Amino acid sequence: MPGIFEILILLVVFVIPVWFFWRIFAKAGYSGAWSLLLPVPFANLIVLGMLAFGDWPIHRKMREADVQPPAA
């Protein structure tokens, strides 16, 4: 039976980053469910690469509507 310390470690290491990335994916226009692949070895690299270098759906929609994204 895991103790409170193990549950807190699990929460910090797995659950909170997945929740953060769920929000990031949703704001980028992707499904937040992509963040569930982050704890999976090698799949996390592919998912983060897609997020970093891919064409975000929200930007695609903005181009179609002829709206400029805010400068970074």
PDB file of N, CA and C in Angstrom:
ATOM      1  N   MET A   1       0.842  -1.181   0.000  1.00  0.00           N
ATOM      2  CA  MET A   1       0.000   0.000   0.000  1.00  0.00           C
ATOM      3  C   MET A   1       0.890   1.248   0.000  1.00  0.00           C
ATOM      4  N   PRO A   2       0.738   2.109  -1.008  1.00  0.00           N
ATOM      5  CA  PRO A   2       1.587   3.303  -1.047  1.00  0.00           C
ATOM      6  C   PRO A   2       1.207   4.293   0.054  1.00  0.00           C
ATOM      7  N   GLY A   3       2.238   4.908   0.590  1.00  0.00           N
ATOM      8  CA  GLY A   3       2.019   5.905   1.626  1.00  0.00           C
ATOM      9  C   GLY A   3       1.749   7.270   1.021  1.00  0.00           C
ATOM     10  N   ILE A   4       1.548   8.247   1.867  1.00  0.00           N
ATOM     11  CA  ILE A   4       1.243   9.601   1.414  1.00  0.00           C
ATOM     12  C   ILE A   4       2.416  10.198   0.645  1.00  0.00           C
ATOM     13  N   PHE A   5       3.639   9.852   1.057  1.00  0.00           N
ATOM     14  CA  PHE A   5       4.817  10.377   0.375  1.00  0.00           C
ATOM     15  C   PHE A   5       4.883   9.876  -1.065  1.00  0.00           C
ATOM     16  N   GLU A   6       4.624   8.602  -1.270  1.00  0.00           N
ATOM     17  CA  GLU A   6       4.653   8.041  -2.624  1.00  0.00           C
ATOM     18  C   GLU A   6       3.549   8.638  -3.495  1.00  0.00           C
ATOM     19  N   ILE A   7       2.397   8.872  -2.913  1.00  0.00           N
ATOM     20  CA  ILE A   7       1.293   9.472  -3.668  1.00  0.00           C
ATOM     21  C   ILE A   7       1.636  10.905  -4.066  1.00  0.00           C
ATOM     22  N   LEU A   8       2.263  11.653  -3.172  1.00  0.00           N
ATOM     23  CA  LEU A   8       2.674  13.019  -3.502  1.00  0.00           C
ATOM     24  C   LEU A   8       3.728  13.036  -4.604  1.00  0.00           C
ATOM     25  N   ILE A   9       4.680  12.114  -4.546  1.00  0.00           N
ATOM     26  CA  ILE A   9       5.697  12.021  -5.590  1.00  0.00           C
ATOM     27  C   ILE A   9       5.042  11.700  -6.932  1.00  0.00           C
ATOM     28  N   LEU A  10       4.123  10.757  -6.937  1.00  0.00           N
ATOM     29  CA  LEU A  10       3.402  10.402  -8.159  1.00  0.00           C
ATOM     30  C   LEU A  10       2.656  11.609  -8.710  1.00  0.00           C
ATOM     31  N   LEU A  11       2.018  12.362  -7.853  1.00  0.00           N
ATOM     32  CA  LEU A  11       1.278  13.544  -8.266  1.00  0.00           C
ATOM     33  C   LEU A  11       2.203  14.579  -8.894  1.00  0.00           C
ATOM     34  N   VAL A  12       3.324  14.833  -8.250  1.00  0.00           N
ATOM     35  CA  VAL A  12       4.253  15.848  -8.742  1.00  0.00           C
ATOM     36  C   VAL A  12       4.917  15.417 -10.043  1.00  0.00           C
ATOM     37  N   VAL A  13       5.309  14.159 -10.136  1.00  0.00           N
ATOM     38  CA  VAL A  13       6.091  13.694 -11.282  1.00  0.00           C
ATOM     39  C   VAL A  13       5.228  13.409 -12.504  1.00  0.00           C
ATOM     40  N   PHE A  14       4.023  12.909 -12.330  1.00  0.00           N
ATOM     41  CA  PHE A  14       3.217  12.489 -13.477  1.00  0.00           C
ATOM     42  C   PHE A  14       1.965  13.329 -13.702  1.00  0.00           C
ATOM     43  N   VAL A  15       1.168  13.505 -12.693  1.00  0.00           N
ATOM     44  CA  VAL A  15      -0.157  14.099 -12.887  1.00  0.00           C
ATOM     45  C   VAL A  15      -0.080  15.589 -13.198  1.00  0.00           C
ATOM     46  N   ILE A  16       0.697  16.336 -12.447  1.00  0.00           N
ATOM     47  CA  ILE A  16       0.758  17.782 -12.655  1.00  0.00           C
ATOM     48  C   ILE A  16       1.336  18.138 -14.027  1.00  0.00           C
ATOM     49  N   PRO A  17       2.459  17.552 -14.469  1.00  0.00           N
ATOM     50  CA  PRO A  17       2.933  17.875 -15.825  1.00  0.00           C
ATOM     51  C   PRO A  17       1.937  17.500 -16.921  1.00  0.00           C
ATOM     52  N   VAL A  18       1.242  16.386 -16.770  1.00  0.00           N
ATOM     53  CA  VAL A  18       0.238  16.009 -17.772  1.00  0.00           C
ATOM     54  C   VAL A  18      -0.874  17.055 -17.805  1.00  0.00           C
ATOM     55  N   TRP A  19      -1.283  17.523 -16.648  1.00  0.00           N
ATOM     56  CA  TRP A  19      -2.330  18.549 -16.599  1.00  0.00           C
ATOM     57  C   TRP A  19      -1.849  19.850 -17.245  1.00  0.00           C
ATOM     58  N   PHE A  20      -0.603  20.264 -16.941  1.00  0.00           N
ATOM     59  CA  PHE A  20      -0.054  21.478 -17.553  1.00  0.00           C
ATOM     60  C   PHE A  20      -0.019  21.351 -19.069  1.00  0.00           C
ATOM     61  N   PHE A  21       0.506  20.229 -19.566  1.00  0.00           N
ATOM     62  CA  PHE A  21       0.606  20.054 -21.009  1.00  0.00           C
ATOM     63  C   PHE A  21      -0.763  19.878 -21.657  1.00  0.00           C
ATOM     64  N   TRP A  22      -1.733  19.339 -20.917  1.00  0.00           N
ATOM     65  CA  TRP A  22      -3.103  19.258 -21.446  1.00  0.00           C
ATOM     66  C   TRP A  22      -3.574  20.668 -21.801  1.00  0.00           C
ATOM     67  N   ARG A  23      -3.324  21.616 -20.894  1.00  0.00           N
ATOM     68  CA  ARG A  23      -3.726  23.017 -21.136  1.00  0.00           C
ATOM     69  C   ARG A  23      -2.964  23.618 -22.309  1.00  0.00           C
ATOM     70  N   ILE A  24      -1.671  23.326 -22.414  1.00  0.00           N
ATOM     71  CA  ILE A  24      -0.868  23.860 -23.507  1.00  0.00           C
ATOM     72  C   ILE A  24      -1.360  23.323 -24.842  1.00  0.00           C
ATOM     73  N   PHE A  25      -1.595  22.015 -24.925  1.00  0.00           N
ATOM     74  CA  PHE A  25      -2.096  21.424 -26.170  1.00  0.00           C
ATOM     75  C   PHE A  25      -3.453  22.011 -26.540  1.00  0.00           C
ATOM     76  N   ALA A  26      -4.316  22.195 -25.567  1.00  0.00           N
ATOM     77  CA  ALA A  26      -5.640  22.748 -25.852  1.00  0.00           C
ATOM     78  C   ALA A  26      -5.533  24.176 -26.384  1.00  0.00           C
ATOM     79  N   LYS A  27      -4.640  24.980 -25.827  1.00  0.00           N
ATOM     80  CA  LYS A  27      -4.472  26.351 -26.305  1.00  0.00           C
ATOM     81  C   LYS A  27      -3.850  26.400 -27.691  1.00  0.00           C
ATOM     82  N   ALA A  28      -3.070  25.384 -28.033  1.00  0.00           N
ATOM     83  CA  ALA A  28      -2.462  25.321 -29.363  1.00  0.00           C
ATOM     84  C   ALA A  28      -3.450  24.820 -30.403  1.00  0.00           C
ATOM     85  N   GLY A  29      -4.589  24.301 -29.971  1.00  0.00           N
ATOM     86  CA  GLY A  29      -5.591  23.812 -30.902  1.00  0.00           C
ATOM     87  C   GLY A  29      -5.594  22.307 -31.062  1.00  0.00           C
ATOM     88  N   TYR A  30      -4.705  21.619 -30.366  1.00  0.00           N
ATOM     89  CA  TYR A  30      -4.676  20.156 -30.395  1.00  0.00           C
ATOM     90  C   TYR A  30      -5.596  19.608 -29.307  1.00  0.00           C
ATOM     91  N   SER A  31      -5.874  18.333 -29.373  1.00  0.00           N
ATOM     92  CA  SER A  31      -6.606  17.677 -28.300  1.00  0.00           C
ATOM     93  C   SER A  31      -5.691  17.573 -27.082  1.00  0.00           C
ATOM     94  N   GLY A  32      -6.230  17.883 -25.925  1.00  0.00           N
ATOM     95  CA  GLY A  32      -5.444  17.785 -24.701  1.00  0.00           C
ATOM     96  C   GLY A  32      -5.009  16.373 -24.385  1.00  0.00           C
ATOM     97  N   ALA A  33      -5.681  15.392 -24.971  1.00  0.00           N
ATOM     98  CA  ALA A  33      -5.348  13.989 -24.711  1.00  0.00           C
ATOM     99  C   ALA A  33      -3.937  13.630 -25.180  1.00  0.00           C
ATOM    100  N   TRP A  34      -3.346  14.431 -26.062  1.00  0.00           N
ATOM    101  CA  TRP A  34      -1.962  14.176 -26.476  1.00  0.00           C
ATOM    102  C   TRP A  34      -1.021  14.194 -25.279  1.00  0.00           C
ATOM    103  N   SER A  35      -1.350  14.947 -24.247  1.00  0.00           N
ATOM    104  CA  SER A  35      -0.476  15.033 -23.074  1.00  0.00           C
ATOM    105  C   SER A  35      -0.411  13.720 -22.304  1.00  0.00           C
ATOM    106  N   LEU A  36      -1.358  12.824 -22.520  1.00  0.00           N
ATOM    107  CA  LEU A  36      -1.323  11.529 -21.832  1.00  0.00           C
ATOM    108  C   LEU A  36      -0.165  10.664 -22.313  1.00  0.00           C
ATOM    109  N   LEU A  37       0.438  11.012 -23.450  1.00  0.00           N
ATOM    110  CA  LEU A  37       1.589  10.261 -23.951  1.00  0.00           C
ATOM    111  C   LEU A  37       2.908  10.727 -23.338  1.00  0.00           C
ATOM    112  N   LEU A  38       2.902  11.799 -22.579  1.00  0.00           N
ATOM    113  CA  LEU A  38       4.148  12.319 -22.014  1.00  0.00           C
ATOM    114  C   LEU A  38       4.866  11.340 -21.087  1.00  0.00           C
ATOM    115  N   PRO A  39       4.190  10.557 -20.254  1.00  0.00           N
ATOM    116  CA  PRO A  39       4.922   9.599 -19.414  1.00  0.00           C
ATOM    117  C   PRO A  39       5.459   8.385 -20.175  1.00  0.00           C
ATOM    118  N   VAL A  40       5.086   8.218 -21.439  1.00  0.00           N
ATOM    119  CA  VAL A  40       5.509   7.054 -22.221  1.00  0.00           C
ATOM    120  C   VAL A  40       6.874   7.346 -22.849  1.00  0.00           C
ATOM    121  N   PRO A  41       7.893   6.509 -22.583  1.00  0.00           N
ATOM    122  CA  PRO A  41       9.215   6.747 -23.163  1.00  0.00           C
ATOM    123  C   PRO A  41       9.165   6.784 -24.688  1.00  0.00           C
ATOM    124  N   PHE A  42       9.923   7.683 -25.267  1.00  0.00           N
ATOM    125  CA  PHE A  42      10.058   7.929 -26.701  1.00  0.00           C
ATOM    126  C   PHE A  42       8.809   8.554 -27.309  1.00  0.00           C
ATOM    127  N   ALA A  43       7.637   8.199 -26.856  1.00  0.00           N
ATOM    128  CA  ALA A  43       6.425   8.860 -27.353  1.00  0.00           C
ATOM    129  C   ALA A  43       6.425  10.314 -26.894  1.00  0.00           C
ATOM    130  N   ASN A  44       6.983  10.569 -25.714  1.00  0.00           N
ATOM    131  CA  ASN A  44       7.029  11.938 -25.221  1.00  0.00           C
ATOM    132  C   ASN A  44       7.888  12.822 -26.121  1.00  0.00           C
ATOM    133  N   LEU A  45       8.961  12.276 -26.673  1.00  0.00           N
ATOM    134  CA  LEU A  45       9.806  13.056 -27.577  1.00  0.00           C
ATOM    135  C   LEU A  45       9.062  13.400 -28.863  1.00  0.00           C
ATOM    136  N   ILE A  46       8.307  12.461 -29.370  1.00  0.00           N
ATOM    137  CA  ILE A  46       7.537  12.698 -30.591  1.00  0.00           C
ATOM    138  C   ILE A  46       6.457  13.749 -30.335  1.00  0.00           C
ATOM    139  N   VAL A  47       5.774  13.630 -29.214  1.00  0.00           N
ATOM    140  CA  VAL A  47       4.703  14.574 -28.890  1.00  0.00           C
ATOM    141  C   VAL A  47       5.264  15.977 -28.676  1.00  0.00           C
ATOM    142  N   LEU A  48       6.359  16.093 -27.948  1.00  0.00           N
ATOM    143  CA  LEU A  48       6.956  17.408 -27.725  1.00  0.00           C
ATOM    144  C   LEU A  48       7.515  17.987 -29.017  1.00  0.00           C
ATOM    145  N   GLY A  49       8.072  17.136 -29.886  1.00  0.00           N
ATOM    146  CA  GLY A  49       8.532  17.602 -31.196  1.00  0.00           C
ATOM    147  C   GLY A  49       7.379  18.107 -32.042  1.00  0.00           C
ATOM    148  N   MET A  50       6.264  17.410 -31.993  1.00  0.00           N
ATOM    149  CA  MET A  50       5.077  17.856 -32.721  1.00  0.00           C
ATOM    150  C   MET A  50       4.612  19.215 -32.198  1.00  0.00           C
ATOM    151  N   LEU A  51       4.645  19.387 -30.901  1.00  0.00           N
ATOM    152  CA  LEU A  51       4.224  20.647 -30.308  1.00  0.00           C
ATOM    153  C   LEU A  51       5.204  21.772 -30.645  1.00  0.00           C
ATOM    154  N   ALA A  52       6.489  21.465 -30.630  1.00  0.00           N
ATOM    155  CA  ALA A  52       7.498  22.495 -30.860  1.00  0.00           C
ATOM    156  C   ALA A  52       7.632  22.882 -32.328  1.00  0.00           C
ATOM    157  N   PHE A  53       7.581  21.916 -33.225  1.00  0.00           N
ATOM    158  CA  PHE A  53       7.895  22.184 -34.625  1.00  0.00           C
ATOM    159  C   PHE A  53       6.707  22.052 -35.569  1.00  0.00           C
ATOM    160  N   GLY A  54       5.586  21.566 -35.079  1.00  0.00           N
ATOM    161  CA  GLY A  54       4.423  21.350 -35.937  1.00  0.00           C
ATOM    162  C   GLY A  54       3.667  22.638 -36.224  1.00  0.00           C
ATOM    163  N   ASP A  55       2.809  22.573 -37.218  1.00  0.00           N
ATOM    164  CA  ASP A  55       1.933  23.688 -37.554  1.00  0.00           C
ATOM    165  C   ASP A  55       0.695  23.584 -36.672  1.00  0.00           C
ATOM    166  N   TRP A  56       0.566  24.478 -35.717  1.00  0.00           N
ATOM    167  CA  TRP A  56      -0.527  24.418 -34.760  1.00  0.00           C
ATOM    168  C   TRP A  56      -1.861  24.676 -35.446  1.00  0.00           C
ATOM    169  N   PRO A  57      -2.878  23.896 -35.096  1.00  0.00           N
ATOM    170  CA  PRO A  57      -4.202  24.116 -35.688  1.00  0.00           C
ATOM    171  C   PRO A  57      -4.739  25.527 -35.449  1.00  0.00           C
ATOM    172  N   ILE A  58      -4.440  26.116 -34.306  1.00  0.00           N
ATOM    173  CA  ILE A  58      -4.940  27.463 -34.030  1.00  0.00           C
ATOM    174  C   ILE A  58      -4.311  28.471 -34.982  1.00  0.00           C
ATOM    175  N   HIS A  59      -3.040  28.299 -35.327  1.00  0.00           N
ATOM    176  CA  HIS A  59      -2.397  29.203 -36.285  1.00  0.00           C
ATOM    177  C   HIS A  59      -2.957  28.989 -37.680  1.00  0.00           C
ATOM    178  N   ARG A  60      -3.244  27.739 -38.014  1.00  0.00           N
ATOM    179  CA  ARG A  60      -3.842  27.439 -39.316  1.00  0.00           C
ATOM    180  C   ARG A  60      -5.200  28.135 -39.444  1.00  0.00           C
ATOM    181  N   LYS A  61      -6.003  28.076 -38.393  1.00  0.00           N
ATOM    182  CA  LYS A  61      -7.314  28.729 -38.412  1.00  0.00           C
ATOM    183  C   LYS A  61      -7.166  30.243 -38.507  1.00  0.00           C
ATOM    184  N   MET A  62      -6.154  30.791 -37.837  1.00  0.00           N
ATOM    185  CA  MET A  62      -5.940  32.233 -37.892  1.00  0.00           C
ATOM    186  C   MET A  62      -5.505  32.664 -39.289  1.00  0.00           C
ATOM    187  N   ARG A  63      -4.676  31.848 -39.951  1.00  0.00           N
ATOM    188  CA  ARG A  63      -4.279  32.174 -41.328  1.00  0.00           C
ATOM    189  C   ARG A  63      -5.485  32.145 -42.255  1.00  0.00           C
ATOM    190  N   GLU A  64      -6.347  31.150 -42.072  1.00  0.00           N
ATOM    191  CA  GLU A  64      -7.543  31.052 -42.906  1.00  0.00           C
ATOM    192  C   GLU A  64      -8.463  32.248 -42.686  1.00  0.00           C
ATOM    193  N   ALA A  65      -8.503  32.762 -41.474  1.00  0.00           N
ATOM    194  CA  ALA A  65      -9.334  33.926 -41.170  1.00  0.00           C
ATOM    195  C   ALA A  65      -8.583  35.224 -41.433  1.00  0.00           C
ATOM    196  N   ASP A  66      -7.333  35.128 -41.888  1.00  0.00           N
ATOM    197  CA  ASP A  66      -6.475  36.281 -42.187  1.00  0.00           C
ATOM    198  C   ASP A  66      -6.263  37.167 -40.957  1.00  0.00           C
ATOM    199  N   VAL A  67      -5.965  36.517 -39.834  1.00  0.00           N
ATOM    200  CA  VAL A  67      -5.670  37.211 -38.583  1.00  0.00           C
ATOM    201  C   VAL A  67      -4.230  36.899 -38.219  1.00  0.00           C
ATOM    202  N   GLN A  68      -3.469  37.922 -37.833  1.00  0.00           N
ATOM    203  CA  GLN A  68      -2.074  37.728 -37.456  1.00  0.00           C
ATOM    204  C   GLN A  68      -1.982  37.322 -35.986  1.00  0.00           C
ATOM    205  N   PRO A  69      -1.180  36.290 -35.676  1.00  0.00           N
ATOM    206  CA  PRO A  69      -0.991  35.935 -34.260  1.00  0.00           C
ATOM    207  C   PRO A  69      -0.177  37.007 -33.555  1.00  0.00           C
ATOM    208  N   PRO A  70      -0.340  37.148 -32.257  1.00  0.00           N
ATOM    209  CA  PRO A  70       0.454  38.139 -31.530  1.00  0.00           C
ATOM    210  C   PRO A  70       1.937  37.785 -31.576  1.00  0.00           C
ATOM    211  N   ALA A  71       2.768  38.804 -31.609  1.00  0.00           N
ATOM    212  CA  ALA A  71       4.220  38.590 -31.658  1.00  0.00           C
ATOM    213  C   ALA A  71       4.694  37.972 -30.353  1.00  0.00           C
ATOM    214  N   ALA A  72       5.675  37.092 -30.469  1.00  0.00           N
ATOM    215  CA  ALA A  72       6.205  36.418 -29.276  1.00  0.00           C
ATOM    216  C   ALA A  72       7.216  37.276 -28.572  1.00  0.00           C
TER     217      ALA A  72
END
